[in-house]
Amino acid sequence: KERAAAHRHTSDLALSPDRPDRPVRTFSGGNQQKAVLAR
């Protein structure tokens, strides 16, 4: 349920790549900011 809810919002924000299972440190600065907004 946690993964599904998080994925719904990261998809809405077009997180790239669409891999919310990956550590956030491996994403670019823009996509890290999207993760904060998705929260």
PDB file of all heavy atoms in Angstrom:
ATOM      1  N   LYS A   1       0.836  -1.202   0.000  1.00  0.00           N
ATOM      2  CA  LYS A   1       0.000   0.000   0.000  1.00  0.00           C
ATOM      3  C   LYS A   1       0.870   1.250   0.000  1.00  0.00           C
ATOM      4  O   LYS A   1       0.573   2.235  -0.692  1.00  0.00           O
ATOM      5  CB  LYS A   1      -0.907  -0.018   1.227  1.00  0.00           C
ATOM      6  CG  LYS A   1      -1.960   1.078   1.242  1.00  0.00           C
ATOM      7  CD  LYS A   1      -2.865   0.914   2.454  1.00  0.00           C
ATOM      8  CE  LYS A   1      -3.911   2.028   2.509  1.00  0.00           C
ATOM      9  NZ  LYS A   1      -4.771   1.890   3.726  1.00  0.00           N
ATOM     10  N   GLU A   2       1.963   1.224   0.763  1.00  0.00           N
ATOM     11  CA  GLU A   2       2.896   2.355   0.804  1.00  0.00           C
ATOM     12  C   GLU A   2       3.492   2.606  -0.576  1.00  0.00           C
ATOM     13  O   GLU A   2       3.533   3.748  -1.053  1.00  0.00           O
ATOM     14  CB  GLU A   2       4.005   2.059   1.819  1.00  0.00           C
ATOM     15  CG  GLU A   2       5.086   3.134   1.898  1.00  0.00           C
ATOM     16  CD  GLU A   2       6.327   2.651   2.632  1.00  0.00           C
ATOM     17  OE1 GLU A   2       6.529   1.422   2.750  1.00  0.00           O
ATOM     18  OE2 GLU A   2       7.115   3.508   3.058  1.00  0.00           O
ATOM     19  N   ARG A   3       3.954   1.520  -1.239  1.00  0.00           N
ATOM     20  CA  ARG A   3       4.556   1.668  -2.567  1.00  0.00           C
ATOM     21  C   ARG A   3       3.551   2.201  -3.577  1.00  0.00           C
ATOM     22  O   ARG A   3       3.878   3.066  -4.398  1.00  0.00           O
ATOM     23  CB  ARG A   3       5.115   0.326  -3.043  1.00  0.00           C
ATOM     24  CG  ARG A   3       6.438  -0.059  -2.409  1.00  0.00           C
ATOM     25  CD  ARG A   3       7.084  -1.194  -3.158  1.00  0.00           C
ATOM     26  NE  ARG A   3       6.259  -2.395  -3.123  1.00  0.00           N
ATOM     27  CZ  ARG A   3       6.331  -3.341  -2.191  1.00  0.00           C
ATOM     28  NH1 ARG A   3       7.201  -3.210  -1.210  1.00  0.00           N
ATOM     29  NH2 ARG A   3       5.553  -4.403  -2.230  1.00  0.00           N
ATOM     30  N   ALA A   4       2.336   1.693  -3.529  1.00  0.00           N
ATOM     31  CA  ALA A   4       1.322   2.120  -4.496  1.00  0.00           C
ATOM     32  C   ALA A   4       1.000   3.596  -4.337  1.00  0.00           C
ATOM     33  O   ALA A   4       0.876   4.332  -5.329  1.00  0.00           O
ATOM     34  CB  ALA A   4       0.062   1.269  -4.330  1.00  0.00           C
ATOM     35  N   ALA A   5       0.870   4.058  -3.088  1.00  0.00           N
ATOM     36  CA  ALA A   5       0.543   5.466  -2.846  1.00  0.00           C
ATOM     37  C   ALA A   5       1.688   6.375  -3.288  1.00  0.00           C
ATOM     38  O   ALA A   5       1.471   7.408  -3.933  1.00  0.00           O
ATOM     39  CB  ALA A   5       0.230   5.687  -1.371  1.00  0.00           C
ATOM     40  N   ALA A   6       2.915   5.979  -2.950  1.00  0.00           N
ATOM     41  CA  ALA A   6       4.066   6.790  -3.342  1.00  0.00           C
ATOM     42  C   ALA A   6       4.205   6.838  -4.860  1.00  0.00           C
ATOM     43  O   ALA A   6       4.460   7.894  -5.447  1.00  0.00           O
ATOM     44  CB  ALA A   6       5.345   6.238  -2.709  1.00  0.00           C
ATOM     45  N   HIS A   7       4.009   5.685  -5.511  1.00  0.00           N
ATOM     46  CA  HIS A   7       4.166   5.627  -6.963  1.00  0.00           C
ATOM     47  C   HIS A   7       3.123   6.480  -7.668  1.00  0.00           C
ATOM     48  O   HIS A   7       3.402   7.097  -8.709  1.00  0.00           O
ATOM     49  CB  HIS A   7       4.082   4.177  -7.446  1.00  0.00           C
ATOM     50  CG  HIS A   7       4.385   4.024  -8.897  1.00  0.00           C
ATOM     51  ND1 HIS A   7       3.406   3.854  -9.846  1.00  0.00           N
ATOM     52  CD2 HIS A   7       5.560   4.034  -9.564  1.00  0.00           C
ATOM     53  CE1 HIS A   7       3.959   3.763 -11.031  1.00  0.00           C
ATOM     54  NE2 HIS A   7       5.265   3.872 -10.898  1.00  0.00           N
ATOM     55  N   ARG A   8       1.931   6.552  -7.114  1.00  0.00           N
ATOM     56  CA  ARG A   8       0.880   7.364  -7.726  1.00  0.00           C
ATOM     57  C   ARG A   8       1.310   8.829  -7.801  1.00  0.00           C
ATOM     58  O   ARG A   8       1.133   9.489  -8.833  1.00  0.00           O
ATOM     59  CB  ARG A   8      -0.416   7.230  -6.924  1.00  0.00           C
ATOM     60  CG  ARG A   8      -1.591   8.005  -7.525  1.00  0.00           C
ATOM     61  CD  ARG A   8      -2.889   7.649  -6.841  1.00  0.00           C
ATOM     62  NE  ARG A   8      -2.943   8.090  -5.449  1.00  0.00           N
ATOM     63  CZ  ARG A   8      -2.843   7.284  -4.408  1.00  0.00           C
ATOM     64  NH1 ARG A   8      -2.677   5.979  -4.570  1.00  0.00           N
ATOM     65  NH2 ARG A   8      -2.921   7.765  -3.171  1.00  0.00           N
ATOM     66  N   HIS A   9       1.918   9.312  -6.731  1.00  0.00           N
ATOM     67  CA  HIS A   9       2.290  10.726  -6.701  1.00  0.00           C
ATOM     68  C   HIS A   9       3.589  10.995  -7.464  1.00  0.00           C
ATOM     69  O   HIS A   9       3.718  12.050  -8.110  1.00  0.00           O
ATOM     70  CB  HIS A   9       2.405  11.211  -5.260  1.00  0.00           C
ATOM     71  CG  HIS A   9       1.083  11.286  -4.564  1.00  0.00           C
ATOM     72  ND1 HIS A   9       0.124  12.205  -4.894  1.00  0.00           N
ATOM     73  CD2 HIS A   9       0.544  10.537  -3.565  1.00  0.00           C
ATOM     74  CE1 HIS A   9      -0.949  12.038  -4.132  1.00  0.00           C
ATOM     75  NE2 HIS A   9      -0.711  11.029  -3.318  1.00  0.00           N
ATOM     76  N   THR A  10       4.548  10.084  -7.412  1.00  0.00           N
ATOM     77  CA  THR A  10       5.766  10.299  -8.201  1.00  0.00           C
ATOM     78  C   THR A  10       5.449  10.218  -9.697  1.00  0.00           C
ATOM     79  O   THR A  10       6.064  10.932 -10.504  1.00  0.00           O
ATOM     80  CB  THR A  10       6.863   9.283  -7.842  1.00  0.00           C
ATOM     81  OG1 THR A  10       6.352   7.946  -7.998  1.00  0.00           O
ATOM     82  CG2 THR A  10       7.335   9.498  -6.412  1.00  0.00           C
ATOM     83  N   SER A  11       4.493   9.391 -10.077  1.00  0.00           N
ATOM     84  CA  SER A  11       4.084   9.332 -11.484  1.00  0.00           C
ATOM     85  C   SER A  11       3.414  10.634 -11.904  1.00  0.00           C
ATOM     86  O   SER A  11       3.655  11.148 -13.008  1.00  0.00           O
ATOM     87  CB  SER A  11       3.133   8.159 -11.727  1.00  0.00           C
ATOM     88  OG  SER A  11       3.791   6.926 -11.499  1.00  0.00           O
ATOM     89  N   ASP A  12       2.577  11.177 -11.022  1.00  0.00           N
ATOM     90  CA  ASP A  12       1.915  12.449 -11.327  1.00  0.00           C
ATOM     91  C   ASP A  12       2.930  13.572 -11.564  1.00  0.00           C
ATOM     92  O   ASP A  12       2.688  14.478 -12.365  1.00  0.00           O
ATOM     93  CB  ASP A  12       0.972  12.853 -10.190  1.00  0.00           C
ATOM     94  CG  ASP A  12      -0.282  11.985 -10.136  1.00  0.00           C
ATOM     95  OD1 ASP A  12      -0.551  11.285 -11.128  1.00  0.00           O
ATOM     96  OD2 ASP A  12      -0.970  12.006  -9.105  1.00  0.00           O
ATOM     97  N   LEU A  13       4.078  13.484 -10.862  1.00  0.00           N
ATOM     98  CA  LEU A  13       5.101  14.519 -10.987  1.00  0.00           C
ATOM     99  C   LEU A  13       6.162  14.160 -12.031  1.00  0.00           C
ATOM    100  O   LEU A  13       7.144  14.878 -12.189  1.00  0.00           O
ATOM    101  CB  LEU A  13       5.786  14.754  -9.636  1.00  0.00           C
ATOM    102  CG  LEU A  13       4.889  15.253  -8.506  1.00  0.00           C
ATOM    103  CD1 LEU A  13       5.699  15.465  -7.233  1.00  0.00           C
ATOM    104  CD2 LEU A  13       4.179  16.533  -8.894  1.00  0.00           C
ATOM    105  N   ALA A  14       5.948  13.058 -12.751  1.00  0.00           N
ATOM    106  CA  ALA A  14       6.855  12.624 -13.827  1.00  0.00           C
ATOM    107  C   ALA A  14       8.277  12.426 -13.308  1.00  0.00           C
ATOM    108  O   ALA A  14       9.259  12.864 -13.918  1.00  0.00           O
ATOM    109  CB  ALA A  14       6.842  13.622 -14.978  1.00  0.00           C
ATOM    110  N   LEU A  15       8.411  11.723 -12.161  1.00  0.00           N
ATOM    111  CA  LEU A  15       9.736  11.371 -11.655  1.00  0.00           C
ATOM    112  C   LEU A  15      10.451  10.520 -12.701  1.00  0.00           C
ATOM    113  O   LEU A  15       9.870   9.602 -13.266  1.00  0.00           O
ATOM    114  CB  LEU A  15       9.603  10.583 -10.349  1.00  0.00           C
ATOM    115  CG  LEU A  15      10.905  10.235  -9.643  1.00  0.00           C
ATOM    116  CD1 LEU A  15      11.350  11.407  -8.781  1.00  0.00           C
ATOM    117  CD2 LEU A  15      10.746   8.996  -8.788  1.00  0.00           C
ATOM    118  N   SER A  16      11.718  10.838 -12.943  1.00  0.00           N
ATOM    119  CA  SER A  16      12.470  10.124 -13.975  1.00  0.00           C
ATOM    120  C   SER A  16      13.848   9.732 -13.439  1.00  0.00           C
ATOM    121  O   SER A  16      14.590  10.579 -12.939  1.00  0.00           O
ATOM    122  CB  SER A  16      12.620  11.001 -15.213  1.00  0.00           C
ATOM    123  OG  SER A  16      13.358  10.341 -16.202  1.00  0.00           O
ATOM    124  N   PRO A  17      14.191   8.436 -13.544  1.00  0.00           N
ATOM    125  CA  PRO A  17      13.360   7.343 -14.066  1.00  0.00           C
ATOM    126  C   PRO A  17      12.265   6.962 -13.070  1.00  0.00           C
ATOM    127  O   PRO A  17      12.376   7.240 -11.874  1.00  0.00           O
ATOM    128  CB  PRO A  17      14.368   6.207 -14.238  1.00  0.00           C
ATOM    129  CG  PRO A  17      15.440   6.490 -13.240  1.00  0.00           C
ATOM    130  CD  PRO A  17      15.551   7.972 -13.152  1.00  0.00           C
ATOM    131  N   ASP A  18      11.223   6.332 -13.584  1.00  0.00           N
ATOM    132  CA  ASP A  18      10.064   5.978 -12.759  1.00  0.00           C
ATOM    133  C   ASP A  18      10.378   4.729 -11.953  1.00  0.00           C
ATOM    134  O   ASP A  18       9.811   3.663 -12.179  1.00  0.00           O
ATOM    135  CB  ASP A  18       8.850   5.771 -13.664  1.00  0.00           C
ATOM    136  CG  ASP A  18       7.560   5.634 -12.857  1.00  0.00           C
ATOM    137  OD1 ASP A  18       7.597   5.940 -11.645  1.00  0.00           O
ATOM    138  OD2 ASP A  18       6.541   5.225 -13.437  1.00  0.00           O
ATOM    139  N   ARG A  19      11.302   4.890 -10.989  1.00  0.00           N
ATOM    140  CA  ARG A  19      11.760   3.768 -10.171  1.00  0.00           C
ATOM    141  C   ARG A  19      11.787   4.188  -8.706  1.00  0.00           C
ATOM    142  O   ARG A  19      12.840   4.424  -8.125  1.00  0.00           O
ATOM    143  CB  ARG A  19      13.151   3.341 -10.615  1.00  0.00           C
ATOM    144  CG  ARG A  19      13.238   2.703 -11.997  1.00  0.00           C
ATOM    145  CD  ARG A  19      12.801   1.251 -11.941  1.00  0.00           C
ATOM    146  NE  ARG A  19      13.577   0.528 -10.943  1.00  0.00           N
ATOM    147  CZ  ARG A  19      14.817   0.044 -11.162  1.00  0.00           C
ATOM    148  NH1 ARG A  19      15.393   0.243 -12.331  1.00  0.00           N
ATOM    149  NH2 ARG A  19      15.446  -0.625 -10.217  1.00  0.00           N
ATOM    150  N   PRO A  20      10.629   4.307  -8.060  1.00  0.00           N
ATOM    151  CA  PRO A  20      10.609   4.776  -6.671  1.00  0.00           C
ATOM    152  C   PRO A  20      11.249   3.812  -5.684  1.00  0.00           C
ATOM    153  O   PRO A  20      11.419   4.157  -4.511  1.00  0.00           O
ATOM    154  CB  PRO A  20       9.113   4.961  -6.384  1.00  0.00           C
ATOM    155  CG  PRO A  20       8.406   4.133  -7.392  1.00  0.00           C
ATOM    156  CD  PRO A  20       9.275   4.113  -8.606  1.00  0.00           C
ATOM    157  N   ASP A  21      11.620   2.609  -6.137  1.00  0.00           N
ATOM    158  CA  ASP A  21      12.316   1.672  -5.258  1.00  0.00           C
ATOM    159  C   ASP A  21      13.800   1.995  -5.130  1.00  0.00           C
ATOM    160  O   ASP A  21      14.472   1.506  -4.223  1.00  0.00           O
ATOM    161  CB  ASP A  21      12.155   0.238  -5.784  1.00  0.00           C
ATOM    162  CG  ASP A  21      12.634   0.100  -7.224  1.00  0.00           C
ATOM    163  OD1 ASP A  21      12.203   0.910  -8.058  1.00  0.00           O
ATOM    164  OD2 ASP A  21      13.428  -0.812  -7.516  1.00  0.00           O
ATOM    165  N   ARG A  22      14.324   2.830  -6.024  1.00  0.00           N
ATOM    166  CA  ARG A  22      15.746   3.169  -5.996  1.00  0.00           C
ATOM    167  C   ARG A  22      16.052   4.179  -4.896  1.00  0.00           C
ATOM    168  O   ARG A  22      15.209   5.006  -4.545  1.00  0.00           O
ATOM    169  CB  ARG A  22      16.181   3.758  -7.347  1.00  0.00           C
ATOM    170  CG  ARG A  22      16.437   2.719  -8.414  1.00  0.00           C
ATOM    171  CD  ARG A  22      16.802   3.364  -9.730  1.00  0.00           C
ATOM    172  NE  ARG A  22      17.751   4.468  -9.607  1.00  0.00           N
ATOM    173  CZ  ARG A  22      18.233   5.138 -10.639  1.00  0.00           C
ATOM    174  NH1 ARG A  22      17.849   4.832 -11.864  1.00  0.00           N
ATOM    175  NH2 ARG A  22      19.085   6.120 -10.457  1.00  0.00           N
ATOM    176  N   PRO A  23      17.279   4.142  -4.331  1.00  0.00           N
ATOM    177  CA  PRO A  23      17.659   5.147  -3.326  1.00  0.00           C
ATOM    178  C   PRO A  23      17.557   6.556  -3.902  1.00  0.00           C
ATOM    179  O   PRO A  23      17.950   6.796  -5.044  1.00  0.00           O
ATOM    180  CB  PRO A  23      19.113   4.790  -2.995  1.00  0.00           C
ATOM    181  CG  PRO A  23      19.259   3.359  -3.371  1.00  0.00           C
ATOM    182  CD  PRO A  23      18.346   3.141  -4.545  1.00  0.00           C
ATOM    183  N   VAL A  24      17.058   7.479  -3.113  1.00  0.00           N
ATOM    184  CA  VAL A  24      16.839   8.839  -3.609  1.00  0.00           C
ATOM    185  C   VAL A  24      18.153   9.524  -3.957  1.00  0.00           C
ATOM    186  O   VAL A  24      18.190  10.422  -4.807  1.00  0.00           O
ATOM    187  CB  VAL A  24      16.038   9.653  -2.565  1.00  0.00           C
ATOM    188  CG1 VAL A  24      16.908  10.056  -1.394  1.00  0.00           C
ATOM    189  CG2 VAL A  24      15.382  10.870  -3.201  1.00  0.00           C
ATOM    190  N   ARG A  25      19.272   9.076  -3.369  1.00  0.00           N
ATOM    191  CA  ARG A  25      20.573   9.696  -3.663  1.00  0.00           C
ATOM    192  C   ARG A  25      21.002   9.463  -5.107  1.00  0.00           C
ATOM    193  O   ARG A  25      21.872  10.171  -5.624  1.00  0.00           O
ATOM    194  CB  ARG A  25      21.642   9.157  -2.717  1.00  0.00           C
ATOM    195  CG  ARG A  25      21.923   7.672  -2.866  1.00  0.00           C
ATOM    196  CD  ARG A  25      23.014   7.186  -1.921  1.00  0.00           C
ATOM    197  NE  ARG A  25      23.167   5.743  -1.982  1.00  0.00           N
ATOM    198  CZ  ARG A  25      23.857   5.118  -2.919  1.00  0.00           C
ATOM    199  NH1 ARG A  25      24.478   5.806  -3.855  1.00  0.00           N
ATOM    200  NH2 ARG A  25      23.953   3.802  -2.913  1.00  0.00           N
ATOM    201  N   THR A  26      20.418   8.455  -5.782  1.00  0.00           N
ATOM    202  CA  THR A  26      20.811   8.158  -7.158  1.00  0.00           C
ATOM    203  C   THR A  26      20.070   9.015  -8.178  1.00  0.00           C
ATOM    204  O   THR A  26      20.312   8.883  -9.379  1.00  0.00           O
ATOM    205  CB  THR A  26      20.560   6.671  -7.485  1.00  0.00           C
ATOM    206  OG1 THR A  26      19.150   6.390  -7.433  1.00  0.00           O
ATOM    207  CG2 THR A  26      21.283   5.767  -6.497  1.00  0.00           C
ATOM    208  N   PHE A  27      19.166   9.889  -7.726  1.00  0.00           N
ATOM    209  CA  PHE A  27      18.389  10.728  -8.629  1.00  0.00           C
ATOM    210  C   PHE A  27      19.014  12.117  -8.734  1.00  0.00           C
ATOM    211  O   PHE A  27      19.748  12.557  -7.843  1.00  0.00           O
ATOM    212  CB  PHE A  27      16.937  10.848  -8.145  1.00  0.00           C
ATOM    213  CG  PHE A  27      16.122   9.598  -8.370  1.00  0.00           C
ATOM    214  CD1 PHE A  27      16.235   8.516  -7.519  1.00  0.00           C
ATOM    215  CD2 PHE A  27      15.247   9.504  -9.437  1.00  0.00           C
ATOM    216  CE1 PHE A  27      15.495   7.360  -7.721  1.00  0.00           C
ATOM    217  CE2 PHE A  27      14.497   8.359  -9.654  1.00  0.00           C
ATOM    218  CZ  PHE A  27      14.627   7.283  -8.794  1.00  0.00           C
ATOM    219  N   SER A  28      18.690  12.814  -9.817  1.00  0.00           N
ATOM    220  CA  SER A  28      19.173  14.177 -10.015  1.00  0.00           C
ATOM    221  C   SER A  28      18.509  15.128  -9.013  1.00  0.00           C
ATOM    222  O   SER A  28      17.516  14.786  -8.361  1.00  0.00           O
ATOM    223  CB  SER A  28      18.860  14.642 -11.441  1.00  0.00           C
ATOM    224  OG  SER A  28      17.464  14.789 -11.621  1.00  0.00           O
ATOM    225  N   GLY A  29      19.060  16.350  -8.946  1.00  0.00           N
ATOM    226  CA  GLY A  29      18.508  17.331  -8.012  1.00  0.00           C
ATOM    227  C   GLY A  29      17.054  17.645  -8.279  1.00  0.00           C
ATOM    228  O   GLY A  29      16.249  17.778  -7.347  1.00  0.00           O
ATOM    229  N   GLY A  30      16.675  17.759  -9.557  1.00  0.00           N
ATOM    230  CA  GLY A  30      15.284  18.051  -9.888  1.00  0.00           C
ATOM    231  C   GLY A  30      14.347  16.943  -9.457  1.00  0.00           C
ATOM    232  O   GLY A  30      13.245  17.200  -8.951  1.00  0.00           O
ATOM    233  N   ASN A  31      14.770  15.704  -9.634  1.00  0.00           N
ATOM    234  CA  ASN A  31      13.917  14.582  -9.247  1.00  0.00           C
ATOM    235  C   ASN A  31      13.889  14.376  -7.736  1.00  0.00           C
ATOM    236  O   ASN A  31      12.888  13.921  -7.186  1.00  0.00           O
ATOM    237  CB  ASN A  31      14.368  13.317  -9.967  1.00  0.00           C
ATOM    238  CG  ASN A  31      13.948  13.301 -11.425  1.00  0.00           C
ATOM    239  OD1 ASN A  31      12.779  13.212 -11.732  1.00  0.00           O
ATOM    240  ND2 ASN A  31      14.908  13.426 -12.324  1.00  0.00           N
ATOM    241  N   GLN A  32      14.972  14.726  -7.055  1.00  0.00           N
ATOM    242  CA  GLN A  32      14.933  14.712  -5.592  1.00  0.00           C
ATOM    243  C   GLN A  32      13.924  15.736  -5.083  1.00  0.00           C
ATOM    244  O   GLN A  32      13.181  15.460  -4.126  1.00  0.00           O
ATOM    245  CB  GLN A  32      16.326  15.003  -5.027  1.00  0.00           C
ATOM    246  CG  GLN A  32      17.324  13.880  -5.228  1.00  0.00           C
ATOM    247  CD  GLN A  32      18.704  14.252  -4.756  1.00  0.00           C
ATOM    248  OE1 GLN A  32      18.968  15.394  -4.358  1.00  0.00           O
ATOM    249  NE2 GLN A  32      19.629  13.302  -4.800  1.00  0.00           N
ATOM    250  N   GLN A  33      13.877  16.902  -5.728  1.00  0.00           N
ATOM    251  CA  GLN A  33      12.900  17.911  -5.325  1.00  0.00           C
ATOM    252  C   GLN A  33      11.480  17.409  -5.575  1.00  0.00           C
ATOM    253  O   GLN A  33      10.572  17.667  -4.771  1.00  0.00           O
ATOM    254  CB  GLN A  33      13.150  19.206  -6.087  1.00  0.00           C
ATOM    255  CG  GLN A  33      12.358  20.401  -5.594  1.00  0.00           C
ATOM    256  CD  GLN A  33      12.806  20.877  -4.229  1.00  0.00           C
ATOM    257  OE1 GLN A  33      12.504  20.253  -3.218  1.00  0.00           O
ATOM    258  NE2 GLN A  33      13.523  21.982  -4.187  1.00  0.00           N
ATOM    259  N   LYS A  34      11.276  16.679  -6.656  1.00  0.00           N
ATOM    260  CA  LYS A  34       9.957  16.108  -6.922  1.00  0.00           C
ATOM    261  C   LYS A  34       9.561  15.124  -5.825  1.00  0.00           C
ATOM    262  O   LYS A  34       8.382  15.027  -5.459  1.00  0.00           O
ATOM    263  CB  LYS A  34       9.944  15.410  -8.286  1.00  0.00           C
ATOM    264  CG  LYS A  34       9.985  16.357  -9.475  1.00  0.00           C
ATOM    265  CD  LYS A  34       9.974  15.578 -10.782  1.00  0.00           C
ATOM    266  CE  LYS A  34      10.066  16.499 -11.979  1.00  0.00           C
ATOM    267  NZ  LYS A  34      10.065  15.743 -13.259  1.00  0.00           N
ATOM    268  N   ALA A  35      10.529  14.375  -5.297  1.00  0.00           N
ATOM    269  CA  ALA A  35      10.228  13.437  -4.216  1.00  0.00           C
ATOM    270  C   ALA A  35       9.755  14.186  -2.973  1.00  0.00           C
ATOM    271  O   ALA A  35       8.833  13.735  -2.274  1.00  0.00           O
ATOM    272  CB  ALA A  35      11.467  12.595  -3.890  1.00  0.00           C
ATOM    273  N   VAL A  36      10.379  15.344  -2.688  1.00  0.00           N
ATOM    274  CA  VAL A  36       9.942  16.149  -1.540  1.00  0.00           C
ATOM    275  C   VAL A  36       8.521  16.655  -1.768  1.00  0.00           C
ATOM    276  O   VAL A  36       7.668  16.601  -0.860  1.00  0.00           O
ATOM    277  CB  VAL A  36      10.911  17.325  -1.306  1.00  0.00           C
ATOM    278  CG1 VAL A  36      10.407  18.197  -0.159  1.00  0.00           C
ATOM    279  CG2 VAL A  36      12.317  16.813  -0.999  1.00  0.00           C
ATOM    280  N   LEU A  37       8.225  17.128  -2.969  1.00  0.00           N
ATOM    281  CA  LEU A  37       6.877  17.614  -3.272  1.00  0.00           C
ATOM    282  C   LEU A  37       5.869  16.480  -3.198  1.00  0.00           C
ATOM    283  O   LEU A  37       4.742  16.669  -2.700  1.00  0.00           O
ATOM    284  CB  LEU A  37       6.847  18.263  -4.658  1.00  0.00           C
ATOM    285  CG  LEU A  37       7.720  19.515  -4.846  1.00  0.00           C
ATOM    286  CD1 LEU A  37       7.592  20.039  -6.262  1.00  0.00           C
ATOM    287  CD2 LEU A  37       7.347  20.593  -3.845  1.00  0.00           C
ATOM    288  N   ALA A  38       6.251  15.309  -3.687  1.00  0.00           N
ATOM    289  CA  ALA A  38       5.340  14.160  -3.630  1.00  0.00           C
ATOM    290  C   ALA A  38       4.989  13.801  -2.191  1.00  0.00           C
ATOM    291  O   ALA A  38       3.868  13.358  -1.899  1.00  0.00           O
ATOM    292  CB  ALA A  38       5.968  12.961  -4.339  1.00  0.00           C
ATOM    293  N   ARG A  39       5.935  13.990  -1.271  1.00  0.00           N
ATOM    294  CA  ARG A  39       5.657  13.722   0.150  1.00  0.00           C
ATOM    295  C   ARG A  39       4.474  14.551   0.639  1.00  0.00           C
ATOM    296  O   ARG A  39       3.585  14.053   1.330  1.00  0.00           O
ATOM    297  CB  ARG A  39       6.900  14.042   0.987  1.00  0.00           C
ATOM    298  CG  ARG A  39       6.673  13.934   2.492  1.00  0.00           C
ATOM    299  CD  ARG A  39       7.889  14.437   3.248  1.00  0.00           C
ATOM    300  NE  ARG A  39       9.077  13.694   2.848  1.00  0.00           N
ATOM    301  CZ  ARG A  39      10.323  14.062   3.156  1.00  0.00           C
ATOM    302  NH1 ARG A  39      10.533  15.169   3.847  1.00  0.00           N
ATOM    303  NH2 ARG A  39      11.348  13.350   2.773  1.00  0.00           N
TER     304      ARG A  39
END
